[in-house]
Amino acid sequence: SIALKEEFNRFLAEIKADGTYDAMVKRWHEDVGASMPEITNPDPVGELNIGIVSDIGLPFAAKSEGQWRGFDVELGSQCDAQQKQKYKNTC
């Protein structure tokens, strides 16, 4: 939807302005052996399903020890936390 796209674009502008995006790029594209950071999302009020293409693997998305991780997974998780949504990966 257009509203969801606008929300995501606002979120993206915010994390670029506060340095979160640069930290994610460093974590997933420059550091070796990166792991998912703890992303707090207390009391989500809804659920947002995010589809991620996982055929490339890391640094974008890969499943390790039963958990999805990678740049795209973190980006979705960060966005959902900001919007008070429960993240659900639909890889």
Protein backbone atom coordinates (compact mmCIF):
# COMPACT_ATOMS: atom_id res chain seq x y z
CA SER A 1 0.00 0.00 0.00
CA ILE A 2 1.04 3.59 -0.49
CA ALA A 3 0.71 4.32 3.24
CA LEU A 4 3.03 1.44 4.15
CA LYS A 5 5.57 2.58 1.56
CA GLU A 6 5.49 6.12 2.98
CA GLU A 7 5.94 4.77 6.54
CA PHE A 8 8.91 2.67 5.43
CA ASN A 9 10.50 5.62 3.62
CA ARG A 10 10.14 7.77 6.78
CA PHE A 11 11.68 4.96 8.84
CA LEU A 12 14.56 4.61 6.35
CA ALA A 13 15.24 8.37 6.46
CA GLU A 14 15.28 8.25 10.28
CA ILE A 15 17.74 5.36 10.56
CA LYS A 16 19.99 6.95 7.95
CA ALA A 17 19.95 10.23 9.91
CA ASP A 18 20.68 8.63 13.30
CA GLY A 19 23.47 6.31 12.08
CA THR A 20 21.60 3.02 12.51
CA TYR A 21 21.68 2.29 8.77
CA ASP A 22 25.45 2.86 8.57
CA ALA A 23 25.95 0.54 11.56
CA MET A 24 23.90 -2.13 9.80
CA VAL A 25 25.93 -1.78 6.59
CA LYS A 26 29.14 -2.12 8.59
CA ARG A 27 27.79 -5.10 10.55
CA TRP A 28 26.54 -7.08 7.55
CA HIS A 29 28.78 -5.94 4.67
CA GLU A 30 32.14 -5.24 6.31
CA ASP A 31 32.39 -7.29 9.51
CA VAL A 32 32.96 -11.04 9.32
CA GLY A 33 30.77 -13.28 11.46
CA ALA A 34 28.11 -10.69 12.25
CA SER A 35 25.21 -11.72 14.43
CA MET A 36 21.75 -10.26 14.84
CA PRO A 37 21.58 -7.47 17.40
CA GLU A 38 18.98 -7.48 20.14
CA ILE A 39 16.03 -5.46 18.85
CA THR A 40 13.52 -4.60 21.54
CA ASN A 41 9.89 -4.32 20.60
CA PRO A 42 7.78 -4.30 23.76
CA ASP A 43 4.03 -4.70 23.39
CA PRO A 44 3.61 -4.84 19.61
CA VAL A 45 0.08 -3.91 18.54
CA GLY A 46 -0.02 -5.82 15.26
CA GLU A 47 1.88 -8.12 12.96
CA LEU A 48 3.58 -7.33 9.68
CA ASN A 49 4.63 -10.13 7.35
CA ILE A 50 7.77 -9.32 5.39
CA GLY A 51 8.88 -11.47 2.47
CA ILE A 52 12.62 -11.85 1.98
CA VAL A 53 14.34 -13.58 -0.91
CA SER A 54 16.97 -15.83 0.66
CA ASP A 55 18.62 -17.37 -2.39
CA ILE A 56 21.68 -15.11 -2.10
CA GLY A 57 22.34 -15.77 1.59
CA LEU A 58 24.45 -13.53 3.76
CA PRO A 59 24.88 -10.65 4.09
CA PHE A 60 21.21 -10.26 3.12
CA ALA A 61 19.37 -13.21 4.68
CA ALA A 62 20.27 -16.69 5.87
CA LYS A 63 18.96 -19.13 8.43
CA SER A 64 21.41 -20.14 11.12
CA GLU A 65 20.60 -22.31 14.15
CA GLY A 66 16.89 -21.99 13.42
CA GLN A 67 16.94 -18.19 13.27
CA TRP A 68 16.94 -15.85 10.30
CA ARG A 69 19.68 -13.22 10.25
CA GLY A 70 21.19 -10.74 7.83
CA PHE A 71 20.83 -7.16 6.63
CA ASP A 72 17.31 -7.59 5.22
CA VAL A 73 16.12 -9.43 8.33
CA GLU A 74 17.51 -6.74 10.62
CA LEU A 75 16.04 -3.97 8.47
CA GLY A 76 12.60 -5.58 8.68
CA SER A 77 12.92 -6.16 12.42
CA GLN A 78 14.02 -2.56 13.04
CA CYS A 79 11.13 -1.22 10.95
CA ASP A 80 8.58 -3.39 12.72
CA ALA A 81 9.88 -2.37 16.14
CA GLN A 82 9.59 1.30 15.22
CA GLN A 83 6.00 0.74 14.05
CA LYS A 84 5.13 -1.41 17.10
CA GLN A 85 4.47 -4.41 14.86
CA LYS A 86 5.47 -8.02 15.48
CA TYR A 87 7.99 -9.08 12.83
CA LYS A 88 7.11 -12.17 10.85
CA ASN A 89 9.53 -13.30 8.14
CA THR A 90 7.88 -15.08 5.23
CA CYS A 91 10.96 -16.47 3.45
